[in-house]
């Protein structure tokens, strides 16, 4: 149980790190990689589909 809690915390931290890094990109840079600013949460969570 403790390991699953640790894994959840690590996954959440990774998600927040990804959101933070993607949010720092300009709209042009996001467009270059094929995503919109509103797509950032799903891209960071790994649930993005085109």
C-alpha atoms as a PDB file:
ATOM      1  CA  UNK A   1       0.000   0.000   0.000  1.00  0.00           C
ATOM      2  CA  UNK A   2       2.804   2.390   0.826  1.00  0.00           C
ATOM      3  CA  UNK A   3       4.473   1.659  -2.512  1.00  0.00           C
ATOM      4  CA  UNK A   4       1.283   2.437  -4.418  1.00  0.00           C
ATOM      5  CA  UNK A   5       0.983   5.751  -2.573  1.00  0.00           C
ATOM      6  CA  UNK A   6       4.587   6.594  -3.416  1.00  0.00           C
ATOM      7  CA  UNK A   7       3.970   5.723  -7.077  1.00  0.00           C
ATOM      8  CA  UNK A   8       0.859   7.928  -7.150  1.00  0.00           C
ATOM      9  CA  UNK A   9       2.815  10.840  -5.702  1.00  0.00           C
ATOM     10  CA  UNK A  10       5.620  10.324  -8.226  1.00  0.00           C
ATOM     11  CA  UNK A  11       3.131  10.162 -11.093  1.00  0.00           C
ATOM     12  CA  UNK A  12       1.458  13.369  -9.929  1.00  0.00           C
ATOM     13  CA  UNK A  13       4.802  15.139  -9.659  1.00  0.00           C
ATOM     14  CA  UNK A  14       5.679  13.998 -13.177  1.00  0.00           C
ATOM     15  CA  UNK A  15       2.334  15.261 -14.441  1.00  0.00           C
ATOM     16  CA  UNK A  16       2.838  18.662 -12.810  1.00  0.00           C
ATOM     17  CA  UNK A  17       6.391  18.880 -14.185  1.00  0.00           C
ATOM     18  CA  UNK A  18       5.133  18.121 -17.708  1.00  0.00           C
ATOM     19  CA  UNK A  19       2.336  20.679 -17.419  1.00  0.00           C
ATOM     20  CA  UNK A  20       4.801  23.280 -16.190  1.00  0.00           C
ATOM     21  CA  UNK A  21       7.286  22.652 -18.997  1.00  0.00           C
ATOM     22  CA  UNK A  22       4.638  22.616 -21.725  1.00  0.00           C
ATOM     23  CA  UNK A  23       3.019  25.763 -20.324  1.00  0.00           C
ATOM     24  CA  UNK A  24       6.296  27.626 -20.742  1.00  0.00           C
ATOM     25  CA  UNK A  25       6.257  27.048 -24.515  1.00  0.00           C
ATOM     26  CA  UNK A  26       4.854  29.722 -26.793  1.00  0.00           C
ATOM     27  CA  UNK A  27       1.712  29.109 -28.834  1.00  0.00           C
ATOM     28  CA  UNK A  28       3.926  28.853 -31.925  1.00  0.00           C
ATOM     29  CA  UNK A  29       6.139  26.206 -30.322  1.00  0.00           C
ATOM     30  CA  UNK A  30       3.086  24.238 -29.228  1.00  0.00           C
ATOM     31  CA  UNK A  31       1.678  24.440 -32.756  1.00  0.00           C
ATOM     32  CA  UNK A  32       5.002  23.166 -34.111  1.00  0.00           C
ATOM     33  CA  UNK A  33       4.642  20.000 -32.049  1.00  0.00           C
ATOM     34  CA  UNK A  34       0.983  19.693 -32.966  1.00  0.00           C
ATOM     35  CA  UNK A  35      -0.834  20.605 -29.787  1.00  0.00           C
ATOM     36  CA  UNK A  36      -2.930  23.505 -28.557  1.00  0.00           C
ATOM     37  CA  UNK A  37      -2.596  25.138 -25.151  1.00  0.00           C
ATOM     38  CA  UNK A  38      -5.898  23.535 -24.094  1.00  0.00           C
ATOM     39  CA  UNK A  39      -4.396  20.104 -24.853  1.00  0.00           C
ATOM     40  CA  UNK A  40      -1.612  20.447 -22.280  1.00  0.00           C
ATOM     41  CA  UNK A  41      -3.365  18.630 -19.395  1.00  0.00           C
ATOM     42  CA  UNK A  42      -4.234  15.607 -21.526  1.00  0.00           C
ATOM     43  CA  UNK A  43      -0.767  15.506 -23.112  1.00  0.00           C
ATOM     44  CA  UNK A  44       0.838  15.654 -19.664  1.00  0.00           C
ATOM     45  CA  UNK A  45      -1.454  12.909 -18.408  1.00  0.00           C
ATOM     46  CA  UNK A  46      -0.704  10.731 -21.415  1.00  0.00           C
ATOM     47  CA  UNK A  47      -4.315  10.596 -22.552  1.00  0.00           C
ATOM     48  CA  UNK A  48      -4.025  12.885 -25.575  1.00  0.00           C
ATOM     49  CA  UNK A  49      -5.349  11.550 -28.870  1.00  0.00           C
ATOM     50  CA  UNK A  50      -5.642  13.423 -32.111  1.00  0.00           C
END
